[in-house]
């Protein structure tokens, strides 16, 4: 899942729940600007940042992980040794 896809998903969840970016910022301890950057996919959030957002939006990382498609997972190229 790219940062853009993750951000779009977080935006959709927030909007569905009727929560503003300012409210997410207040309850997550993040700045409103950071919430906006994550939602726009302009930054790759740390696990800690994601955990704060997920806790604030009341869903788990597992929910997001199960939304991944197999094509979104990068495969390492084969290397000869």
Protein backbone atom coordinates (compact mmCIF):
# COMPACT_ATOMS: atom_id res chain seq x y z
CA UNK A 1 0.00 0.00 0.00
CA UNK A 2 1.48 3.32 -1.02
CA UNK A 3 1.48 6.43 1.15
CA UNK A 4 -1.13 7.91 -1.21
CA UNK A 5 -3.47 4.91 -0.86
CA UNK A 6 -3.05 4.89 2.91
CA UNK A 7 -3.73 8.62 3.11
CA UNK A 8 -6.85 8.30 0.98
CA UNK A 9 -8.11 5.48 3.18
CA UNK A 10 -7.50 7.47 6.38
CA UNK A 11 -9.25 10.49 4.84
CA UNK A 12 -12.27 8.37 3.91
CA UNK A 13 -12.50 6.83 7.38
CA UNK A 14 -12.25 10.25 9.02
CA UNK A 15 -14.93 11.75 6.76
CA UNK A 16 -17.27 8.77 7.24
CA UNK A 17 -17.02 9.26 10.98
CA UNK A 18 -17.65 13.00 10.70
CA UNK A 19 -14.38 13.96 12.39
CA UNK A 20 -12.34 17.04 11.46
CA UNK A 21 -8.57 17.08 11.01
CA UNK A 22 -8.38 19.41 14.01
CA UNK A 23 -10.20 16.89 16.18
CA UNK A 24 -7.92 14.08 15.01
CA UNK A 25 -4.91 16.27 15.77
CA UNK A 26 -6.17 17.15 19.24
CA UNK A 27 -6.91 13.55 20.28
CA UNK A 28 -3.91 11.94 18.58
CA UNK A 29 -1.33 14.44 19.80
CA UNK A 30 -0.24 15.16 16.21
CA UNK A 31 -0.32 18.53 14.51
CA UNK A 32 -3.18 19.25 12.11
CA UNK A 33 -0.55 19.78 9.44
CA UNK A 34 0.84 16.26 10.00
CA UNK A 35 -2.67 14.78 9.73
CA UNK A 36 -3.15 16.66 6.44
CA UNK A 37 0.25 15.53 5.09
CA UNK A 38 -0.54 11.90 5.86
CA UNK A 39 -4.00 12.12 4.30
CA UNK A 40 -2.56 13.64 1.12
CA UNK A 41 0.09 10.92 0.96
CA UNK A 42 2.91 13.46 1.09
CA UNK A 43 4.69 11.71 3.96
CA UNK A 44 5.22 8.09 4.92
CA UNK A 45 4.02 7.97 8.53
CA UNK A 46 5.94 6.09 11.18
CA UNK A 47 4.32 3.15 12.96
CA UNK A 48 3.93 5.39 16.01
CA UNK A 49 2.10 8.04 13.97
CA UNK A 50 -0.14 5.40 12.40
CA UNK A 51 -0.93 3.93 15.81
CA UNK A 52 -1.99 7.38 17.07
CA UNK A 53 -4.19 7.95 14.04
CA UNK A 54 -5.74 4.48 14.23
CA UNK A 55 -6.45 4.86 17.94
CA UNK A 56 -8.06 8.24 17.36
CA UNK A 57 -10.17 6.95 14.46
CA UNK A 58 -11.04 3.79 16.42
CA UNK A 59 -9.77 1.07 14.11
CA UNK A 60 -6.81 -1.29 14.06
CA UNK A 61 -3.78 -1.75 11.85
CA UNK A 62 -5.09 -5.23 11.09
CA UNK A 63 -8.09 -3.70 9.31
CA UNK A 64 -5.76 -1.78 7.02
CA UNK A 65 -3.43 -4.72 6.44
CA UNK A 66 -6.31 -6.91 5.30
CA UNK A 67 -7.24 -4.29 2.71
CA UNK A 68 -3.91 -4.75 0.93
CA UNK A 69 -4.01 -6.58 -2.36
CA UNK A 70 -1.32 -9.04 -3.26
CA UNK A 71 -0.28 -6.73 -6.13
CA UNK A 72 0.51 -3.95 -3.66
CA UNK A 73 3.23 -5.99 -1.99
CA UNK A 74 6.60 -5.45 -3.66
CA UNK A 75 8.49 -8.58 -4.60
CA UNK A 76 12.27 -8.61 -4.32
CA UNK A 77 14.04 -9.50 -7.55
CA UNK A 78 15.91 -12.80 -7.76
CA UNK A 79 19.65 -12.36 -7.41
CA UNK A 80 22.31 -14.83 -8.34
CA UNK A 81 25.05 -15.31 -5.81
